[in-house]
Amino acid sequence: MKKIIFSTLIFLVISSLASAQKIVVKHNNKKIVKVIPNKPKVIIVKPNKIKRNHIWIKGHWKWSVRKSKYVWVKGHWKRNKRHHVWIPGKWKFVPGGHIWIKGHWKR
């Protein structure tokens, strides 16, 4: 009986976590989520070895059409754009929840 109750509790916790990212509506073609998803427990940090003509992009969120939710993209090297600066992505509060503003190059 204890195993059944424990299994049920685990299922409820997992299902509530999965639905916490539920999409409310689209706002200017961006998906609004009620709750910002948690970062993964293992985050790749910038390697000590520098890659020439590249910058390190920290891990960030990206909308997955296939999974219909935001997924975590691990940190990675990206080729530098001459005369540009990388602006990292961020969560922005909007009425009804949060939207992810993805990282981009700025002149």
PDB file of N, CA and C in Angstrom:
ATOM      1  N   MET A   1       0.818  -1.193   0.000  1.00  0.00           N
ATOM      2  CA  MET A   1       0.000   0.000   0.000  1.00  0.00           C
ATOM      3  C   MET A   1       0.866   1.263   0.000  1.00  0.00           C
ATOM      4  N   LYS A   2       1.954   1.234   0.796  1.00  0.00           N
ATOM      5  CA  LYS A   2       2.849   2.377   0.856  1.00  0.00           C
ATOM      6  C   LYS A   2       3.493   2.639  -0.506  1.00  0.00           C
ATOM      7  N   LYS A   3       3.828   1.563  -1.219  1.00  0.00           N
ATOM      8  CA  LYS A   3       4.431   1.713  -2.543  1.00  0.00           C
ATOM      9  C   LYS A   3       3.454   2.366  -3.519  1.00  0.00           C
ATOM     10  N   ILE A   4       2.198   2.008  -3.447  1.00  0.00           N
ATOM     11  CA  ILE A   4       1.190   2.588  -4.338  1.00  0.00           C
ATOM     12  C   ILE A   4       1.018   4.077  -4.044  1.00  0.00           C
ATOM     13  N   ILE A   5       0.940   4.420  -2.771  1.00  0.00           N
ATOM     14  CA  ILE A   5       0.788   5.828  -2.387  1.00  0.00           C
ATOM     15  C   ILE A   5       2.017   6.627  -2.821  1.00  0.00           C
ATOM     16  N   PHE A   6       3.202   6.072  -2.587  1.00  0.00           N
ATOM     17  CA  PHE A   6       4.442   6.742  -2.970  1.00  0.00           C
ATOM     18  C   PHE A   6       4.501   6.932  -4.485  1.00  0.00           C
ATOM     19  N   SER A   7       4.158   5.903  -5.243  1.00  0.00           N
ATOM     20  CA  SER A   7       4.158   5.988  -6.704  1.00  0.00           C
ATOM     21  C   SER A   7       3.178   7.045  -7.195  1.00  0.00           C
ATOM     22  N   THR A   8       2.016   7.091  -6.581  1.00  0.00           N
ATOM     23  CA  THR A   8       1.008   8.084  -6.950  1.00  0.00           C
ATOM     24  C   THR A   8       1.517   9.496  -6.683  1.00  0.00           C
ATOM     25  N   LEU A   9       2.147   9.702  -5.524  1.00  0.00           N
ATOM     26  CA  LEU A   9       2.698  11.016  -5.196  1.00  0.00           C
ATOM     27  C   LEU A   9       3.776  11.433  -6.179  1.00  0.00           C
ATOM     28  N   ILE A  10       4.657  10.515  -6.522  1.00  0.00           N
ATOM     29  CA  ILE A  10       5.720  10.807  -7.497  1.00  0.00           C
ATOM     30  C   ILE A  10       5.096  11.197  -8.835  1.00  0.00           C
ATOM     31  N   PHE A  11       4.097  10.439  -9.268  1.00  0.00           N
ATOM     32  CA  PHE A  11       3.423  10.729 -10.542  1.00  0.00           C
ATOM     33  C   PHE A  11       2.800  12.129 -10.511  1.00  0.00           C
ATOM     34  N   LEU A  12       2.142  12.473  -9.405  1.00  0.00           N
ATOM     35  CA  LEU A  12       1.511  13.786  -9.302  1.00  0.00           C
ATOM     36  C   LEU A  12       2.523  14.922  -9.337  1.00  0.00           C
ATOM     37  N   VAL A  13       3.643  14.741  -8.654  1.00  0.00           N
ATOM     38  CA  VAL A  13       4.694  15.768  -8.658  1.00  0.00           C
ATOM     39  C   VAL A  13       5.263  15.942 -10.058  1.00  0.00           C
ATOM     40  N   ILE A  14       5.576  14.844 -10.720  1.00  0.00           N
ATOM     41  CA  ILE A  14       6.148  14.916 -12.073  1.00  0.00           C
ATOM     42  C   ILE A  14       5.162  15.537 -13.048  1.00  0.00           C
ATOM     43  N   SER A  15       3.907  15.134 -12.985  1.00  0.00           N
ATOM     44  CA  SER A  15       2.921  15.689 -13.911  1.00  0.00           C
ATOM     45  C   SER A  15       2.676  17.171 -13.650  1.00  0.00           C
ATOM     46  N   SER A  16       2.728  17.596 -12.383  1.00  0.00           N
ATOM     47  CA  SER A  16       2.537  19.020 -12.100  1.00  0.00           C
ATOM     48  C   SER A  16       3.731  19.830 -12.589  1.00  0.00           C
ATOM     49  N   LEU A  17       4.931  19.274 -12.497  1.00  0.00           N
ATOM     50  CA  LEU A  17       6.109  19.958 -13.013  1.00  0.00           C
ATOM     51  C   LEU A  17       6.043  20.071 -14.528  1.00  0.00           C
ATOM     52  N   ALA A  18       5.578  19.026 -15.182  1.00  0.00           N
ATOM     53  CA  ALA A  18       5.487  19.034 -16.640  1.00  0.00           C
ATOM     54  C   ALA A  18       4.476  20.058 -17.114  1.00  0.00           C
ATOM     55  N   SER A  19       3.400  20.228 -16.384  1.00  0.00           N
ATOM     56  CA  SER A  19       2.363  21.166 -16.817  1.00  0.00           C
ATOM     57  C   SER A  19       2.639  22.591 -16.343  1.00  0.00           C
ATOM     58  N   ALA A  20       3.616  22.786 -15.472  1.00  0.00           N
ATOM     59  CA  ALA A  20       3.907  24.123 -14.957  1.00  0.00           C
ATOM     60  C   ALA A  20       4.318  25.074 -16.065  1.00  0.00           C
ATOM     61  N   GLN A  21       4.856  24.547 -17.147  1.00  0.00           N
ATOM     62  CA  GLN A  21       5.316  25.378 -18.250  1.00  0.00           C
ATOM     63  C   GLN A  21       4.189  25.641 -19.244  1.00  0.00           C
ATOM     64  N   LYS A  22       2.985  25.274 -18.889  1.00  0.00           N
ATOM     65  CA  LYS A  22       1.840  25.344 -19.804  1.00  0.00           C
ATOM     66  C   LYS A  22       1.738  26.693 -20.504  1.00  0.00           C
ATOM     67  N   ILE A  23       1.524  26.626 -21.800  1.00  0.00           N
ATOM     68  CA  ILE A  23       1.389  27.826 -22.616  1.00  0.00           C
ATOM     69  C   ILE A  23       0.023  28.455 -22.375  1.00  0.00           C
ATOM     70  N   VAL A  24       0.022  29.749 -22.166  1.00  0.00           N
ATOM     71  CA  VAL A  24      -1.231  30.455 -21.949  1.00  0.00           C
ATOM     72  C   VAL A  24      -1.777  30.920 -23.293  1.00  0.00           C
ATOM     73  N   VAL A  25      -1.068  31.802 -23.955  1.00  0.00           N
ATOM     74  CA  VAL A  25      -1.457  32.313 -25.266  1.00  0.00           C
ATOM     75  C   VAL A  25      -0.200  32.728 -26.020  1.00  0.00           C
ATOM     76  N   LYS A  26      -0.384  33.071 -27.255  1.00  0.00           N
ATOM     77  CA  LYS A  26       0.740  33.626 -28.003  1.00  0.00           C
ATOM     78  C   LYS A  26       0.641  35.141 -27.927  1.00  0.00           C
ATOM     79  N   HIS A  27       1.777  35.796 -27.772  1.00  0.00           N
ATOM     80  CA  HIS A  27       1.846  37.252 -27.694  1.00  0.00           C
ATOM     81  C   HIS A  27       2.881  37.713 -28.705  1.00  0.00           C
ATOM     82  N   ASN A  28       2.445  38.364 -29.786  1.00  0.00           N
ATOM     83  CA  ASN A  28       3.367  38.771 -30.852  1.00  0.00           C
ATOM     84  C   ASN A  28       4.203  37.604 -31.342  1.00  0.00           C
ATOM     85  N   ASN A  29       3.547  36.481 -31.575  1.00  0.00           N
ATOM     86  CA  ASN A  29       4.179  35.253 -32.071  1.00  0.00           C
ATOM     87  C   ASN A  29       5.148  34.626 -31.061  1.00  0.00           C
ATOM     88  N   LYS A  30       5.070  34.998 -29.791  1.00  0.00           N
ATOM     89  CA  LYS A  30       5.889  34.389 -28.742  1.00  0.00           C
ATOM     90  C   LYS A  30       4.960  33.663 -27.785  1.00  0.00           C
ATOM     91  N   LYS A  31       5.436  32.568 -27.222  1.00  0.00           N
ATOM     92  CA  LYS A  31       4.621  31.779 -26.309  1.00  0.00           C
ATOM     93  C   LYS A  31       4.759  32.304 -24.891  1.00  0.00           C
ATOM     94  N   ILE A  32       3.630  32.539 -24.238  1.00  0.00           N
ATOM     95  CA  ILE A  32       3.636  32.991 -22.850  1.00  0.00           C
ATOM     96  C   ILE A  32       3.512  31.773 -21.946  1.00  0.00           C
ATOM     97  N   VAL A  33       4.399  31.670 -20.967  1.00  0.00           N
ATOM     98  CA  VAL A  33       4.306  30.588 -19.985  1.00  0.00           C
ATOM     99  C   VAL A  33       3.948  31.200 -18.640  1.00  0.00           C
ATOM    100  N   LYS A  34       3.167  30.453 -17.851  1.00  0.00           N
ATOM    101  CA  LYS A  34       2.775  30.939 -16.527  1.00  0.00           C
ATOM    102  C   LYS A  34       3.953  30.919 -15.572  1.00  0.00           C
ATOM    103  N   VAL A  35       4.763  29.858 -15.661  1.00  0.00           N
ATOM    104  CA  VAL A  35       5.893  29.679 -14.751  1.00  0.00           C
ATOM    105  C   VAL A  35       7.168  29.494 -15.568  1.00  0.00           C
ATOM    106  N   ILE A  36       8.212  30.255 -15.215  1.00  0.00           N
ATOM    107  CA  ILE A  36       9.498  30.104 -15.902  1.00  0.00           C
ATOM    108  C   ILE A  36      10.061  28.730 -15.564  1.00  0.00           C
ATOM    109  N   PRO A  37      10.481  27.956 -16.574  1.00  0.00           N
ATOM    110  CA  PRO A  37      11.031  26.626 -16.278  1.00  0.00           C
ATOM    111  C   PRO A  37      12.340  26.711 -15.492  1.00  0.00           C
ATOM    112  N   ASN A  38      12.603  25.687 -14.691  1.00  0.00           N
ATOM    113  CA  ASN A  38      13.851  25.623 -13.932  1.00  0.00           C
ATOM    114  C   ASN A  38      15.001  25.240 -14.842  1.00  0.00           C
ATOM    115  N   LYS A  39      16.173  25.805 -14.554  1.00  0.00           N
ATOM    116  CA  LYS A  39      17.374  25.405 -15.299  1.00  0.00           C
ATOM    117  C   LYS A  39      17.701  23.970 -14.935  1.00  0.00           C
ATOM    118  N   PRO A  40      18.366  23.247 -15.842  1.00  0.00           N
ATOM    119  CA  PRO A  40      18.748  21.871 -15.511  1.00  0.00           C
ATOM    120  C   PRO A  40      19.771  21.850 -14.383  1.00  0.00           C
ATOM    121  N   LYS A  41      19.863  20.703 -13.730  1.00  0.00           N
ATOM    122  CA  LYS A  41      20.793  20.586 -12.603  1.00  0.00           C
ATOM    123  C   LYS A  41      22.246  20.638 -13.048  1.00  0.00           C
ATOM    124  N   VAL A  42      22.539  20.120 -14.245  1.00  0.00           N
ATOM    125  CA  VAL A  42      23.908  20.129 -14.761  1.00  0.00           C
ATOM    126  C   VAL A  42      24.002  21.206 -15.833  1.00  0.00           C
ATOM    127  N   ILE A  43      24.840  22.199 -15.579  1.00  0.00           N
ATOM    128  CA  ILE A  43      25.021  23.284 -16.532  1.00  0.00           C
ATOM    129  C   ILE A  43      26.475  23.281 -16.991  1.00  0.00           C
ATOM    130  N   ILE A  44      26.666  23.336 -18.304  1.00  0.00           N
ATOM    131  CA  ILE A  44      28.018  23.355 -18.855  1.00  0.00           C
ATOM    132  C   ILE A  44      28.578  24.760 -18.698  1.00  0.00           C
ATOM    133  N   VAL A  45      29.750  24.854 -18.067  1.00  0.00           N
ATOM    134  CA  VAL A  45      30.389  26.153 -17.885  1.00  0.00           C
ATOM    135  C   VAL A  45      31.396  26.384 -19.002  1.00  0.00           C
ATOM    136  N   LYS A  46      31.751  27.633 -19.178  1.00  0.00           N
ATOM    137  CA  LYS A  46      32.696  28.004 -20.236  1.00  0.00           C
ATOM    138  C   LYS A  46      34.010  27.265 -20.044  1.00  0.00           C
ATOM    139  N   PRO A  47      34.466  26.576 -21.084  1.00  0.00           N
ATOM    140  CA  PRO A  47      35.753  25.884 -20.978  1.00  0.00           C
ATOM    141  C   PRO A  47      36.900  26.881 -20.817  1.00  0.00           C
ATOM    142  N   ASN A  48      37.986  26.449 -20.172  1.00  0.00           N
ATOM    143  CA  ASN A  48      39.151  27.315 -19.988  1.00  0.00           C
ATOM    144  C   ASN A  48      39.837  27.616 -21.319  1.00  0.00           C
ATOM    145  N   LYS A  49      39.820  26.638 -22.220  1.00  0.00           N
ATOM    146  CA  LYS A  49      40.467  26.819 -23.512  1.00  0.00           C
ATOM    147  C   LYS A  49      39.589  27.705 -24.394  1.00  0.00           C
ATOM    148  N   ILE A  50      40.161  28.805 -24.859  1.00  0.00           N
ATOM    149  CA  ILE A  50      39.412  29.748 -25.690  1.00  0.00           C
ATOM    150  C   ILE A  50      39.455  29.294 -27.144  1.00  0.00           C
ATOM    151  N   LYS A  51      38.332  29.423 -27.830  1.00  0.00           N
ATOM    152  CA  LYS A  51      38.244  29.079 -29.246  1.00  0.00           C
ATOM    153  C   LYS A  51      38.383  30.381 -30.039  1.00  0.00           C
ATOM    154  N   ARG A  52      39.372  30.438 -30.886  1.00  0.00           N
ATOM    155  CA  ARG A  52      39.691  31.659 -31.638  1.00  0.00           C
ATOM    156  C   ARG A  52      38.513  32.108 -32.519  1.00  0.00           C
ATOM    157  N   ASN A  53      38.249  33.422 -32.526  1.00  0.00           N
ATOM    158  CA  ASN A  53      37.178  34.048 -33.313  1.00  0.00           C
ATOM    159  C   ASN A  53      35.783  33.552 -32.930  1.00  0.00           C
ATOM    160  N   HIS A  54      35.632  33.089 -31.698  1.00  0.00           N
ATOM    161  CA  HIS A  54      34.338  32.615 -31.207  1.00  0.00           C
ATOM    162  C   HIS A  54      34.056  33.251 -29.849  1.00  0.00           C
ATOM    163  N   ILE A  55      32.791  33.282 -29.469  1.00  0.00           N
ATOM    164  CA  ILE A  55      32.430  33.697 -28.115  1.00  0.00           C
ATOM    165  C   ILE A  55      31.642  32.549 -27.477  1.00  0.00           C
ATOM    166  N   TRP A  56      31.661  32.515 -26.175  1.00  0.00           N
ATOM    167  CA  TRP A  56      30.931  31.487 -25.441  1.00  0.00           C
ATOM    168  C   TRP A  56      29.510  31.980 -25.189  1.00  0.00           C
ATOM    169  N   ILE A  57      28.539  31.199 -25.642  1.00  0.00           N
ATOM    170  CA  ILE A  57      27.131  31.504 -25.407  1.00  0.00           C
ATOM    171  C   ILE A  57      26.673  30.608 -24.258  1.00  0.00           C
ATOM    172  N   LYS A  58      26.244  31.223 -23.154  1.00  0.00           N
ATOM    173  CA  LYS A  58      25.780  30.439 -22.003  1.00  0.00           C
ATOM    174  C   LYS A  58      24.539  29.643 -22.376  1.00  0.00           C
ATOM    175  N   GLY A  59      24.246  28.615 -21.578  1.00  0.00           N
ATOM    176  CA  GLY A  59      23.030  27.841 -21.787  1.00  0.00           C
ATOM    177  C   GLY A  59      21.818  28.753 -21.757  1.00  0.00           C
ATOM    178  N   HIS A  60      20.820  28.402 -22.553  1.00  0.00           N
ATOM    179  CA  HIS A  60      19.651  29.264 -22.659  1.00  0.00           C
ATOM    180  C   HIS A  60      18.427  28.451 -23.089  1.00  0.00           C
ATOM    181  N   TRP A  61      17.275  29.090 -23.054  1.00  0.00           N
ATOM    182  CA  TRP A  61      16.023  28.444 -23.436  1.00  0.00           C
ATOM    183  C   TRP A  61      15.737  28.636 -24.915  1.00  0.00           C
ATOM    184  N   LYS A  62      15.044  27.667 -25.498  1.00  0.00           N
ATOM    185  CA  LYS A  62      14.636  27.747 -26.900  1.00  0.00           C
ATOM    186  C   LYS A  62      13.305  27.016 -27.035  1.00  0.00           C
ATOM    187  N   TRP A  63      12.396  27.582 -27.813  1.00  0.00           N
ATOM    188  CA  TRP A  63      11.107  26.945 -28.017  1.00  0.00           C
ATOM    189  C   TRP A  63      11.271  25.737 -28.928  1.00  0.00           C
ATOM    190  N   SER A  64      10.757  24.593 -28.501  1.00  0.00           N
ATOM    191  CA  SER A  64      10.778  23.376 -29.303  1.00  0.00           C
ATOM    192  C   SER A  64       9.385  23.152 -29.878  1.00  0.00           C
ATOM    193  N   VAL A  65       9.273  23.259 -31.195  1.00  0.00           N
ATOM    194  CA  VAL A  65       7.986  23.024 -31.853  1.00  0.00           C
ATOM    195  C   VAL A  65       7.565  21.573 -31.658  1.00  0.00           C
ATOM    196  N   ARG A  66       8.531  20.668 -31.775  1.00  0.00           N
ATOM    197  CA  ARG A  66       8.241  19.234 -31.649  1.00  0.00           C
ATOM    198  C   ARG A  66       7.716  18.874 -30.261  1.00  0.00           C
ATOM    199  N   LYS A  67       8.308  19.465 -29.220  1.00  0.00           N
ATOM    200  CA  LYS A  67       7.906  19.145 -27.847  1.00  0.00           C
ATOM    201  C   LYS A  67       6.855  20.102 -27.294  1.00  0.00           C
ATOM    202  N   SER A  68       6.584  21.180 -28.016  1.00  0.00           N
ATOM    203  CA  SER A  68       5.624  22.209 -27.587  1.00  0.00           C
ATOM    204  C   SER A  68       5.938  22.758 -26.200  1.00  0.00           C
ATOM    205  N   LYS A  69       7.211  23.025 -25.971  1.00  0.00           N
ATOM    206  CA  LYS A  69       7.632  23.639 -24.715  1.00  0.00           C
ATOM    207  C   LYS A  69       9.037  24.207 -24.883  1.00  0.00           C
ATOM    208  N   TYR A  70       9.457  25.013 -23.900  1.00  0.00           N
ATOM    209  CA  TYR A  70      10.819  25.527 -23.914  1.00  0.00           C
ATOM    210  C   TYR A  70      11.761  24.422 -23.468  1.00  0.00           C
ATOM    211  N   VAL A  71      12.871  24.286 -24.173  1.00  0.00           N
ATOM    212  CA  VAL A  71      13.883  23.297 -23.819  1.00  0.00           C
ATOM    213  C   VAL A  71      15.208  24.021 -23.580  1.00  0.00           C
ATOM    214  N   TRP A  72      16.054  23.427 -22.761  1.00  0.00           N
ATOM    215  CA  TRP A  72      17.344  24.011 -22.412  1.00  0.00           C
ATOM    216  C   TRP A  72      18.376  23.657 -23.476  1.00  0.00           C
ATOM    217  N   VAL A  73      19.085  24.676 -23.957  1.00  0.00           N
ATOM    218  CA  VAL A  73      20.179  24.484 -24.911  1.00  0.00           C
ATOM    219  C   VAL A  73      21.472  24.685 -24.139  1.00  0.00           C
ATOM    220  N   LYS A  74      22.362  23.698 -24.205  1.00  0.00           N
ATOM    221  CA  LYS A  74      23.624  23.781 -23.464  1.00  0.00           C
ATOM    222  C   LYS A  74      24.501  24.916 -23.997  1.00  0.00           C
ATOM    223  N   GLY A  75      25.388  25.416 -23.128  1.00  0.00           N
ATOM    224  CA  GLY A  75      26.340  26.440 -23.545  1.00  0.00           C
ATOM    225  C   GLY A  75      27.195  25.932 -24.696  1.00  0.00           C
ATOM    226  N   HIS A  76      27.608  26.851 -25.562  1.00  0.00           N
ATOM    227  CA  HIS A  76      28.397  26.442 -26.734  1.00  0.00           C
ATOM    228  C   HIS A  76      29.161  27.637 -27.299  1.00  0.00           C
ATOM    229  N   TRP A  77      30.132  27.346 -28.148  1.00  0.00           N
ATOM    230  CA  TRP A  77      30.890  28.388 -28.830  1.00  0.00           C
ATOM    231  C   TRP A  77      30.125  28.828 -30.073  1.00  0.00           C
ATOM    232  N   LYS A  78      30.162  30.126 -30.357  1.00  0.00           N
ATOM    233  CA  LYS A  78      29.516  30.666 -31.559  1.00  0.00           C
ATOM    234  C   LYS A  78      30.505  31.613 -32.237  1.00  0.00           C
ATOM    235  N   ARG A  79      30.584  31.510 -33.563  1.00  0.00           N
ATOM    236  CA  ARG A  79      31.529  32.355 -34.309  1.00  0.00           C
ATOM    237  C   ARG A  79      31.171  33.828 -34.096  1.00  0.00           C
ATOM    238  N   ASN A  80      32.211  34.628 -33.825  1.00  0.00           N
ATOM    239  CA  ASN A  80      32.045  36.059 -33.632  1.00  0.00           C
ATOM    240  C   ASN A  80      31.524  36.726 -34.894  1.00  0.00           C
ATOM    241  N   LYS A  81      30.692  37.730 -34.727  1.00  0.00           N
ATOM    242  CA  LYS A  81      30.240  38.555 -35.842  1.00  0.00           C
ATOM    243  C   LYS A  81      30.988  39.879 -35.721  1.00  0.00           C
ATOM    244  N   ARG A  82      31.695  40.228 -36.754  1.00  0.00           N
ATOM    245  CA  ARG A  82      32.530  41.427 -36.717  1.00  0.00           C
ATOM    246  C   ARG A  82      31.682  42.673 -36.445  1.00  0.00           C
ATOM    247  N   HIS A  83      32.170  43.523 -35.541  1.00  0.00           N
ATOM    248  CA  HIS A  83      31.525  44.787 -35.157  1.00  0.00           C
ATOM    249  C   HIS A  83      30.159  44.575 -34.507  1.00  0.00           C
ATOM    250  N   HIS A  84      29.941  43.425 -33.909  1.00  0.00           N
ATOM    251  CA  HIS A  84      28.691  43.137 -33.219  1.00  0.00           C
ATOM    252  C   HIS A  84      28.974  42.677 -31.797  1.00  0.00           C
ATOM    253  N   VAL A  85      27.974  42.806 -30.950  1.00  0.00           N
ATOM    254  CA  VAL A  85      28.056  42.339 -29.564  1.00  0.00           C
ATOM    255  C   VAL A  85      26.910  41.354 -29.351  1.00  0.00           C
ATOM    256  N   TRP A  86      27.188  40.264 -28.627  1.00  0.00           N
ATOM    257  CA  TRP A  86      26.150  39.280 -28.335  1.00  0.00           C
ATOM    258  C   TRP A  86      25.322  39.749 -27.140  1.00  0.00           C
ATOM    259  N   ILE A  87      24.017  39.842 -27.313  1.00  0.00           N
ATOM    260  CA  ILE A  87      23.087  40.175 -26.237  1.00  0.00           C
ATOM    261  C   ILE A  87      22.410  38.870 -25.821  1.00  0.00           C
ATOM    262  N   PRO A  88      22.657  38.396 -24.582  1.00  0.00           N
ATOM    263  CA  PRO A  88      22.065  37.122 -24.168  1.00  0.00           C
ATOM    264  C   PRO A  88      20.545  37.197 -24.033  1.00  0.00           C
ATOM    265  N   GLY A  89      19.899  36.053 -24.163  1.00  0.00           N
ATOM    266  CA  GLY A  89      18.450  35.972 -24.003  1.00  0.00           C
ATOM    267  C   GLY A  89      18.043  36.203 -22.553  1.00  0.00           C
ATOM    268  N   LYS A  90      16.756  36.499 -22.368  1.00  0.00           N
ATOM    269  CA  LYS A  90      16.258  36.748 -21.006  1.00  0.00           C
ATOM    270  C   LYS A  90      14.755  36.515 -20.975  1.00  0.00           C
ATOM    271  N   TRP A  91      14.248  36.241 -19.784  1.00  0.00           N
ATOM    272  CA  TRP A  91      12.809  36.141 -19.577  1.00  0.00           C
ATOM    273  C   TRP A  91      12.259  37.529 -19.349  1.00  0.00           C
ATOM    274  N   LYS A  92      11.116  37.816 -19.963  1.00  0.00           N
ATOM    275  CA  LYS A  92      10.462  39.111 -19.806  1.00  0.00           C
ATOM    276  C   LYS A  92       9.048  38.876 -19.294  1.00  0.00           C
ATOM    277  N   PHE A  93       8.691  39.629 -18.241  1.00  0.00           N
ATOM    278  CA  PHE A  93       7.343  39.515 -17.697  1.00  0.00           C
ATOM    279  C   PHE A  93       6.384  40.280 -18.596  1.00  0.00           C
ATOM    280  N   VAL A  94       5.277  39.649 -18.941  1.00  0.00           N
ATOM    281  CA  VAL A  94       4.188  40.279 -19.698  1.00  0.00           C
ATOM    282  C   VAL A  94       2.894  39.913 -18.987  1.00  0.00           C
ATOM    283  N   PRO A  95       1.815  40.653 -19.225  1.00  0.00           N
ATOM    284  CA  PRO A  95       0.549  40.284 -18.584  1.00  0.00           C
ATOM    285  C   PRO A  95       0.187  38.826 -18.898  1.00  0.00           C
ATOM    286  N   GLY A  96      -0.038  38.053 -17.866  1.00  0.00           N
ATOM    287  CA  GLY A  96      -0.409  36.651 -18.041  1.00  0.00           C
ATOM    288  C   GLY A  96       0.735  35.673 -17.901  1.00  0.00           C
ATOM    289  N   GLY A  97       1.982  36.150 -17.778  1.00  0.00           N
ATOM    290  CA  GLY A  97       3.103  35.216 -17.633  1.00  0.00           C
ATOM    291  C   GLY A  97       4.424  35.802 -18.075  1.00  0.00           C
ATOM    292  N   HIS A  98       5.228  34.959 -18.721  1.00  0.00           N
ATOM    293  CA  HIS A  98       6.578  35.337 -19.131  1.00  0.00           C
ATOM    294  C   HIS A  98       6.809  34.893 -20.568  1.00  0.00           C
ATOM    295  N   ILE A  99       7.625  35.668 -21.299  1.00  0.00           N
ATOM    296  CA  ILE A  99       8.050  35.244 -22.628  1.00  0.00           C
ATOM    297  C   ILE A  99       9.570  35.246 -22.660  1.00  0.00           C
ATOM    298  N   TRP A 100      10.139  34.380 -23.482  1.00  0.00           N
ATOM    299  CA  TRP A 100      11.586  34.306 -23.638  1.00  0.00           C
ATOM    300  C   TRP A 100      12.002  35.187 -24.802  1.00  0.00           C
ATOM    301  N   ILE A 101      12.889  36.138 -24.532  1.00  0.00           N
ATOM    302  CA  ILE A 101      13.481  36.971 -25.573  1.00  0.00           C
ATOM    303  C   ILE A 101      14.822  36.323 -25.902  1.00  0.00           C
ATOM    304  N   LYS A 102      14.945  35.785 -27.121  1.00  0.00           N
ATOM    305  CA  LYS A 102      16.159  35.030 -27.437  1.00  0.00           C
ATOM    306  C   LYS A 102      17.355  35.953 -27.639  1.00  0.00           C
ATOM    307  N   GLY A 103      18.555  35.389 -27.437  1.00  0.00           N
ATOM    308  CA  GLY A 103      19.784  36.129 -27.628  1.00  0.00           C
ATOM    309  C   GLY A 103      19.959  36.534 -29.084  1.00  0.00           C
ATOM    310  N   HIS A 104      20.699  37.623 -29.286  1.00  0.00           N
ATOM    311  CA  HIS A 104      20.889  38.114 -30.654  1.00  0.00           C
ATOM    312  C   HIS A 104      22.144  38.978 -30.750  1.00  0.00           C
ATOM    313  N   TRP A 105      22.575  39.207 -31.970  1.00  0.00           N
ATOM    314  CA  TRP A 105      23.710  40.081 -32.239  1.00  0.00           C
ATOM    315  C   TRP A 105      23.221  41.526 -32.361  1.00  0.00           C
ATOM    316  N   LYS A 106      23.988  42.456 -31.805  1.00  0.00           N
ATOM    317  CA  LYS A 106      23.661  43.877 -31.910  1.00  0.00           C
ATOM    318  C   LYS A 106      24.878  44.618 -32.435  1.00  0.00           C
ATOM    319  N   ARG A 107      24.652  45.489 -33.392  1.00  0.00           N
ATOM    320  CA  ARG A 107      25.753  46.270 -33.978  1.00  0.00           C
ATOM    321  C   ARG A 107      26.268  47.289 -32.997  1.00  0.00           C
TER     322      ARG A 107
END
